Amino acid sequence: MSESEPLIECKGVSKSFDDTVAVQDVSFQLMPGEVMSILGASGCGKTSLLRLIAGFEMVDGGQIRIYPGLVSDADNHLPPERRNIGMVFQEYALFPHLTVAQNVGFGLNGRKRGRRGQDGLTRDERRSRVRDALELVRLSGLEARYPHELSGGQQQRVALARTLAPSPIAALLDEPFSNLDASLRRNVREEVGAILRDQHIAAIFVTHDRDEAFAFADLVGVMSEGRLEQVNSPDALYNFPATPSVARIVGECYFLPGVARADVADTDIGALPYTCSDGLMPEGMRMTIRVRPQDLNVRADAAGSCVVESREYRGGETMLAIRTRSGVALRCRQAGYSSLSNGMRVTLEPRDDEVFLAFPV
């Protein structure tokens, strides 16, 4: 296997259920050791895409390739057990009557000779795989325990060990951390990410949690109504979303109407420096300006065109709800404590060197 060859590649993948389009013209590729998060609201097609890649559903159009070749198109469908990928489910799906070792080894018991060049495993080889997988997820010594005797984080790691034991080239994770409490979630997420990268396993992680998607992945794909709207690194996606809908999904933001004038946009809070995908827009062109809570300073001004509607003090910061002259609602984050109170007139000013992202209307 070459480090320069993708382990998973989707080209124009589509799937409908009756009259409902679940996945529409999705294309991307994933390299060895690369982790990709797919972010989107419930019902956007995230899990459907995962099931297509896993082989639980057949594609209507397009191709899915999993190293070393084609596994799905409109005329071909390789079954899940022959795709050499593992899947970690939201509910873990551990067998309550089996021990930790038996759960981890369950996926090895059905291996037969001749499947994609994989020899059948002897009993000793299966035990070795189970031992190695448990050591990898730091659960050595718990082989004889049952799932109900484990914490939520330990159960999640058993599910991961079961996925890793057959030595897959890729792993699919469907909201795997959603059942963990906040104190466990970050630690387990970091451990799982480190294991996947260390083993050079390509992984696709589905979530509706923006912070989790950004923290876990090398690439983030934003999905909406069955389409993968944009795929990029977390920082590039956050700073340069391709559309207003992507901007809303990847971070709290608001939109001000504006009109291009030279190198600024005229808005009802004043002239704002802006940029867009094509540089500057023609004079007089209408646009919408993305404003994030951290982008603006709020200053008391009796002649200001904006009004403070509410204030939330959060210890290290104050969140102000502001209404502009034309009625647009914004939320502005101010460092520390702000003495601005409800009903005060204010002026909004860009933070130092802030350049606002604009989209043509």
Protein backbone atom coordinates (compact mmCIF):
# COMPACT_ATOMS: atom_id res chain seq x y z
CA MET A 1 0.00 0.00 0.00
CA SER A 2 1.40 3.38 -1.00
CA GLU A 3 1.15 6.41 1.31
CA SER A 4 0.21 8.44 -1.77
CA GLU A 5 -2.82 6.30 -2.66
CA PRO A 6 -6.22 7.09 -1.11
CA LEU A 7 -7.69 4.39 1.13
CA ILE A 8 -11.25 5.64 0.60
CA GLU A 9 -12.48 7.51 -2.45
CA CYS A 10 -16.02 8.56 -3.32
CA LYS A 11 -16.84 9.89 -6.79
CA GLY A 12 -20.29 11.37 -7.41
CA VAL A 13 -21.98 9.04 -4.91
CA SER A 14 -25.78 9.35 -4.74
CA LYS A 15 -28.56 7.53 -2.89
CA SER A 16 -32.32 8.04 -2.61
CA PHE A 17 -34.93 6.32 -0.49
CA ASP A 18 -38.24 6.45 -2.35
CA ASP A 19 -38.66 10.18 -3.14
CA THR A 20 -36.15 11.37 -0.54
CA VAL A 21 -32.61 12.20 -1.68
CA ALA A 22 -30.28 11.12 1.15
CA VAL A 23 -26.87 11.54 -0.53
CA GLN A 24 -26.30 13.64 -3.65
CA ASP A 25 -23.17 13.73 -5.82
CA VAL A 26 -20.67 13.31 -2.96
CA SER A 27 -16.97 13.22 -3.85
CA PHE A 28 -13.86 13.13 -1.63
CA GLN A 29 -10.81 11.01 -0.89
CA LEU A 30 -9.03 10.01 2.29
CA MET A 31 -5.35 9.13 2.64
CA PRO A 32 -3.67 6.68 5.08
CA GLY A 33 -3.78 7.98 8.66
CA GLU A 34 -6.09 10.86 7.71
CA VAL A 35 -9.14 11.52 9.89
CA MET A 36 -12.14 13.28 8.38
CA SER A 37 -15.14 14.60 10.31
CA ILE A 38 -18.48 14.97 8.56
CA LEU A 39 -20.47 17.74 10.22
CA GLY A 40 -24.12 18.53 9.70
CA ALA A 41 -27.55 18.67 11.26
CA SER A 42 -29.69 15.59 11.85
CA GLY A 43 -31.16 14.29 8.61
CA CYS A 44 -28.52 15.87 6.34
CA GLY A 45 -27.25 12.49 5.05
CA LYS A 46 -24.20 11.87 7.26
CA THR A 47 -25.15 8.40 8.47
CA SER A 48 -26.52 7.40 5.05
CA LEU A 49 -23.13 8.20 3.51
CA LEU A 50 -21.38 6.13 6.19
CA ARG A 51 -23.69 3.17 5.51
CA LEU A 52 -22.97 3.40 1.78
CA ILE A 53 -19.21 3.31 2.40
CA ALA A 54 -19.61 0.42 4.86
CA GLY A 55 -21.66 -1.53 2.32
CA PHE A 56 -24.91 -1.65 4.32
CA GLU A 57 -26.68 0.19 1.47
CA MET A 58 -26.22 0.10 -2.31
CA VAL A 59 -25.43 3.28 -4.24
CA ASP A 60 -27.78 4.56 -6.95
CA GLY A 61 -24.96 6.32 -8.78
CA GLY A 62 -21.28 7.12 -8.58
CA GLN A 63 -18.41 5.00 -7.29
CA ILE A 64 -16.90 4.04 -3.95
CA ARG A 65 -13.34 2.74 -3.98
CA ILE A 66 -11.70 1.23 -0.91
CA TYR A 67 -8.08 0.19 -1.37
CA PRO A 68 -7.19 -1.64 -3.52
CA GLY A 69 -10.22 -1.27 -5.82
CA LEU A 70 -13.86 -0.62 -6.61
CA VAL A 71 -16.39 -1.77 -4.00
CA SER A 72 -19.59 -0.01 -5.12
CA ASP A 73 -21.20 1.45 -8.20
CA ALA A 74 -24.61 1.09 -9.83
CA ASP A 75 -23.72 -2.42 -11.06
CA ASN A 76 -21.36 -3.73 -8.37
CA HIS A 77 -21.65 -4.15 -4.61
CA LEU A 78 -19.01 -5.80 -2.43
CA PRO A 79 -20.58 -6.94 0.88
CA PRO A 80 -19.51 -5.24 4.14
CA GLU A 81 -17.43 -8.18 5.42
CA ARG A 82 -15.18 -8.01 2.36
CA ARG A 83 -14.37 -4.29 2.48
CA ASN A 84 -11.70 -4.48 5.20
CA ILE A 85 -13.14 -1.56 7.14
CA GLY A 86 -14.42 -1.36 10.71
CA MET A 87 -17.34 0.55 12.14
CA VAL A 88 -17.85 2.00 15.62
CA PHE A 89 -21.50 2.70 16.43
CA GLN A 90 -23.07 5.28 18.70
CA GLU A 91 -24.50 2.53 20.93
CA TYR A 92 -21.24 0.50 21.02
CA ALA A 93 -23.25 -2.71 20.21
CA LEU A 94 -21.36 -4.85 22.74
CA PHE A 95 -22.77 -8.26 23.55
CA PRO A 96 -23.73 -8.20 27.26
CA HIS A 97 -23.29 -11.96 27.72
CA LEU A 98 -19.73 -11.97 26.31
CA THR A 99 -16.55 -10.94 28.11
CA VAL A 100 -14.37 -8.09 26.91
CA ALA A 101 -12.03 -10.57 25.16
CA GLN A 102 -14.94 -12.40 23.54
CA ASN A 103 -16.47 -9.12 22.31
CA VAL A 104 -13.16 -8.00 20.80
CA GLY A 105 -12.56 -11.38 19.18
CA PHE A 106 -16.08 -11.72 17.81
CA GLY A 107 -15.22 -10.22 14.43
CA LEU A 108 -12.29 -12.61 14.04
CA ASN A 109 -14.22 -15.84 14.45
CA GLY A 110 -15.75 -15.76 10.97
CA ARG A 111 -12.51 -15.16 9.06
CA LYS A 112 -11.91 -17.70 6.31
CA ARG A 113 -9.11 -18.36 3.92
CA GLY A 114 -8.99 -16.52 0.64
CA ARG A 115 -10.91 -13.33 1.50
CA ARG A 116 -8.96 -10.49 -0.12
CA GLY A 117 -5.76 -12.40 0.52
CA GLN A 118 -6.44 -12.76 4.28
CA ASP A 119 -5.54 -16.18 5.61
CA GLY A 120 -7.79 -17.83 8.18
CA LEU A 121 -6.68 -17.26 11.78
CA THR A 122 -5.75 -20.00 14.21
CA ARG A 123 -6.97 -19.87 17.82
CA ASP A 124 -3.57 -18.61 18.99
CA GLU A 125 -3.54 -15.94 16.28
CA ARG A 126 -7.00 -14.76 17.34
CA ARG A 127 -5.88 -14.55 20.96
CA SER A 128 -2.83 -12.57 19.90
CA ARG A 129 -4.96 -10.13 17.88
CA VAL A 130 -7.32 -9.64 20.83
CA ARG A 131 -4.41 -9.10 23.24
CA ASP A 132 -2.76 -6.59 20.91
CA ALA A 133 -6.00 -4.68 20.33
CA LEU A 134 -6.74 -4.41 24.06
CA GLU A 135 -3.20 -3.28 24.75
CA LEU A 136 -3.56 -0.64 22.06
CA VAL A 137 -6.65 0.84 23.76
CA ARG A 138 -5.13 0.43 27.24
CA LEU A 139 -7.55 -2.20 28.51
CA SER A 140 -5.09 -4.99 29.23
CA GLY A 141 -6.13 -6.94 32.33
CA LEU A 142 -9.86 -6.44 31.75
CA GLU A 143 -10.28 -9.38 29.35
CA ALA A 144 -12.57 -11.35 31.69
CA ARG A 145 -14.93 -8.52 32.57
CA TYR A 146 -18.40 -8.07 31.11
CA PRO A 147 -19.68 -4.81 29.55
CA HIS A 148 -21.86 -3.93 32.57
CA GLU A 149 -18.72 -3.97 34.73
CA LEU A 150 -17.08 -1.22 32.64
CA SER A 151 -17.40 2.56 32.54
CA GLY A 152 -18.80 4.27 29.47
CA GLY A 153 -15.31 5.26 28.33
CA GLN A 154 -14.05 1.68 28.74
CA GLN A 155 -17.01 0.32 26.77
CA GLN A 156 -16.20 2.73 23.96
CA ARG A 157 -12.61 1.53 23.91
CA VAL A 158 -13.77 -2.10 23.78
CA ALA A 159 -15.84 -1.20 20.71
CA LEU A 160 -12.76 0.42 19.17
CA ALA A 161 -10.60 -2.61 20.01
CA ARG A 162 -13.14 -4.87 18.30
CA THR A 163 -12.91 -2.65 15.22
CA LEU A 164 -9.10 -2.69 15.23
CA ALA A 165 -8.59 -6.42 15.90
CA PRO A 166 -9.13 -7.52 12.24
CA SER A 167 -6.50 -4.92 11.14
CA PRO A 168 -8.80 -2.81 8.94
CA ILE A 169 -7.41 -0.19 6.58
CA ALA A 170 -10.20 2.23 7.48
CA ALA A 171 -12.68 2.90 10.27
CA LEU A 172 -16.10 4.54 10.25
CA LEU A 173 -17.33 6.16 13.48
CA ASP A 174 -20.99 7.17 13.81
CA GLU A 175 -21.27 9.74 16.65
CA PRO A 176 -19.24 7.39 18.88
CA PHE A 177 -18.78 9.77 21.82
CA SER A 178 -22.33 11.09 22.19
CA ASN A 179 -23.18 8.74 25.08
CA LEU A 180 -20.20 9.85 27.18
CA ASP A 181 -20.44 12.61 29.75
CA ALA A 182 -18.44 15.79 29.19
CA SER A 183 -15.61 14.81 31.55
CA LEU A 184 -14.90 11.61 29.60
CA ARG A 185 -15.63 12.81 26.12
CA ARG A 186 -12.48 14.82 25.45
CA ASN A 187 -10.12 12.20 26.89
CA VAL A 188 -11.65 9.29 24.97
CA ARG A 189 -11.77 11.37 21.77
CA GLU A 190 -8.08 12.26 22.06
CA GLU A 191 -7.13 8.63 22.76
CA VAL A 192 -9.13 7.31 19.81
CA GLY A 193 -7.67 9.92 17.44
CA ALA A 194 -4.12 9.13 18.52
CA ILE A 195 -4.66 5.38 18.01
CA LEU A 196 -6.12 5.80 14.53
CA ARG A 197 -3.29 8.05 13.37
CA ASP A 198 -0.63 5.85 14.96
CA GLN A 199 -2.00 2.82 13.10
CA HIS A 200 -2.24 4.79 9.79
CA ILE A 201 -5.95 3.99 9.59
CA ALA A 202 -8.10 6.31 7.49
CA ALA A 203 -11.16 7.26 9.49
CA ILE A 204 -14.47 9.01 8.87
CA PHE A 205 -16.13 10.45 11.96
CA VAL A 206 -19.75 11.60 11.83
CA THR A 207 -21.00 14.22 14.29
CA HIS A 208 -23.33 17.17 14.68
CA ASP A 209 -21.02 18.73 17.29
CA ARG A 210 -18.93 21.49 15.68
CA ASP A 211 -16.28 21.65 18.41
CA GLU A 212 -15.83 17.88 18.35
CA ALA A 213 -15.52 17.80 14.55
CA PHE A 214 -12.84 20.48 14.58
CA ALA A 215 -10.86 19.01 17.48
CA PHE A 216 -10.85 15.43 16.16
CA ALA A 217 -10.16 15.71 12.46
CA ASP A 218 -7.52 16.64 9.89
CA LEU A 219 -10.31 17.43 7.42
CA VAL A 220 -13.88 18.55 8.03
CA GLY A 221 -16.66 18.06 5.50
CA VAL A 222 -19.87 20.07 5.89
CA MET A 223 -22.98 18.23 4.76
CA SER A 224 -26.38 19.76 4.06
CA GLU A 225 -29.43 18.19 2.38
CA GLY A 226 -27.38 15.26 1.13
CA ARG A 227 -24.60 17.35 -0.41
CA LEU A 228 -21.04 17.64 0.83
CA GLU A 229 -20.83 21.42 0.47
CA GLN A 230 -17.18 21.92 1.40
CA VAL A 231 -14.20 19.86 2.62
CA ASN A 232 -11.13 21.54 4.08
CA SER A 233 -8.88 21.72 7.12
CA PRO A 234 -10.72 22.95 10.25
CA ASP A 235 -9.02 26.36 10.27
CA ALA A 236 -9.54 26.98 6.53
CA LEU A 237 -13.17 25.92 6.78
CA TYR A 238 -13.80 28.19 9.75
CA ASN A 239 -12.07 31.23 8.29
CA PHE A 240 -13.10 30.81 4.64
CA PRO A 241 -16.45 29.01 4.35
CA ALA A 242 -17.60 28.75 0.73
CA THR A 243 -21.22 29.73 1.37
CA PRO A 244 -23.31 31.42 4.08
CA SER A 245 -24.87 28.04 4.97
CA VAL A 246 -21.42 26.54 5.60
CA ALA A 247 -20.50 29.63 7.65
CA ARG A 248 -23.56 29.09 9.88
CA ILE A 249 -22.72 25.43 10.44
CA VAL A 250 -19.03 25.88 11.29
CA GLY A 251 -19.38 28.80 13.72
CA GLU A 252 -21.79 31.22 15.34
CA CYS A 253 -22.22 34.13 12.97
CA TYR A 254 -24.63 36.74 11.69
CA PHE A 255 -25.06 38.51 8.36
CA LEU A 256 -25.21 42.21 7.59
CA PRO A 257 -26.36 43.53 4.20
CA GLY A 258 -23.76 45.70 2.49
CA VAL A 259 -22.87 47.50 -0.73
CA ALA A 260 -19.38 47.56 -2.28
CA ARG A 261 -17.60 50.93 -2.30
CA ALA A 262 -13.90 50.91 -3.27
CA ASP A 263 -12.23 48.52 -0.79
CA VAL A 264 -14.96 48.64 1.88
CA ALA A 265 -18.56 47.55 2.28
CA ASP A 266 -21.09 50.17 3.36
CA THR A 267 -23.34 48.71 6.09
CA ASP A 268 -25.69 50.15 8.66
CA ILE A 269 -22.93 49.94 11.30
CA GLY A 270 -20.46 51.78 9.08
CA ALA A 271 -17.81 50.97 6.46
CA LEU A 272 -16.22 47.54 6.93
CA PRO A 273 -13.09 46.21 5.19
CA TYR A 274 -14.01 43.01 3.37
CA THR A 275 -12.77 40.19 1.21
CA CYS A 276 -14.46 37.51 -0.86
CA SER A 277 -13.44 34.53 -2.98
CA ASP A 278 -12.90 36.74 -6.04
CA GLY A 279 -11.17 39.61 -4.25
CA LEU A 280 -13.15 42.85 -4.29
CA MET A 281 -16.60 43.21 -5.82
CA PRO A 282 -17.61 45.82 -8.43
CA GLU A 283 -18.66 49.21 -7.09
CA GLY A 284 -22.31 49.22 -6.01
CA MET A 285 -22.65 45.42 -5.88
CA ARG A 286 -24.85 44.10 -3.08
CA MET A 287 -23.41 41.58 -0.62
CA THR A 288 -23.94 39.96 2.74
CA ILE A 289 -21.19 40.31 5.36
CA ARG A 290 -20.39 37.58 7.89
CA VAL A 291 -20.01 38.92 11.43
CA ARG A 292 -18.83 36.65 14.26
CA PRO A 293 -19.28 37.45 17.98
CA GLN A 294 -15.55 38.16 18.39
CA ASP A 295 -15.28 40.50 15.37
CA LEU A 296 -16.59 43.76 16.82
CA ASN A 297 -15.85 46.06 19.75
CA VAL A 298 -18.89 47.73 21.33
CA ARG A 299 -18.48 51.32 22.49
CA ALA A 300 -20.99 53.48 24.38
CA ASP A 301 -22.10 56.35 22.13
CA ALA A 302 -25.17 58.50 22.75
CA ALA A 303 -25.35 59.16 18.98
CA GLY A 304 -24.73 55.52 18.05
CA SER A 305 -26.97 53.73 15.57
CA CYS A 306 -27.19 50.46 17.54
CA VAL A 307 -28.87 49.52 20.83
CA VAL A 308 -27.95 47.00 23.55
CA GLU A 309 -30.88 44.61 24.03
CA SER A 310 -29.44 42.26 26.66
CA ARG A 311 -26.24 41.35 28.47
CA GLU A 312 -24.85 38.04 29.74
CA TYR A 313 -21.83 38.16 32.01
CA ARG A 314 -19.89 34.87 31.89
CA GLY A 315 -16.92 35.55 34.13
CA GLY A 316 -14.16 35.90 31.57
CA GLU A 317 -16.37 37.64 29.02
CA THR A 318 -19.64 39.45 28.44
CA MET A 319 -21.98 38.59 25.58
CA LEU A 320 -24.01 41.56 24.37
CA ALA A 321 -27.12 41.25 22.21
CA ILE A 322 -27.18 44.22 19.84
CA ARG A 323 -29.85 45.50 17.44
CA THR A 324 -28.63 47.53 14.46
CA ARG A 325 -30.43 50.49 12.90
CA SER A 326 -32.04 48.30 10.23
CA GLY A 327 -33.11 45.68 12.78
CA VAL A 328 -30.37 43.04 12.34
CA ALA A 329 -29.68 41.15 15.59
CA LEU A 330 -26.02 40.54 16.46
CA ARG A 331 -24.25 39.01 19.44
CA CYS A 332 -20.92 40.60 20.35
CA ARG A 333 -18.41 39.00 22.72
CA GLN A 334 -16.46 41.46 24.88
CA ALA A 335 -13.50 40.49 27.06
CA GLY A 336 -14.10 40.63 30.82
CA TYR A 337 -16.96 42.60 32.36
CA SER A 338 -18.91 45.16 30.34
CA SER A 339 -20.87 47.94 32.09
CA LEU A 340 -23.05 48.53 29.02
CA SER A 341 -26.67 48.00 29.99
CA ASN A 342 -29.95 47.30 28.24
CA GLY A 343 -31.25 50.19 26.14
CA MET A 344 -27.89 51.99 25.80
CA ARG A 345 -26.99 53.33 22.39
CA VAL A 346 -23.66 52.07 21.09
CA THR A 347 -21.31 52.11 18.12
CA LEU A 348 -19.81 48.91 16.72
CA GLU A 349 -16.21 48.98 15.50
CA PRO A 350 -14.10 46.28 13.84
CA ARG A 351 -11.35 44.74 15.93
CA ASP A 352 -7.80 45.64 14.89
CA ASP A 353 -6.94 44.37 11.38
CA GLU A 354 -10.27 42.56 11.08
CA VAL A 355 -11.28 41.89 7.45
CA PHE A 356 -14.83 40.62 7.00
CA LEU A 357 -15.83 37.79 4.69
CA ALA A 358 -18.44 38.80 2.10
CA PHE A 359 -20.73 36.79 -0.16
CA PRO A 360 -22.40 38.28 -3.26
CA VAL A 361 -26.18 38.50 -3.13
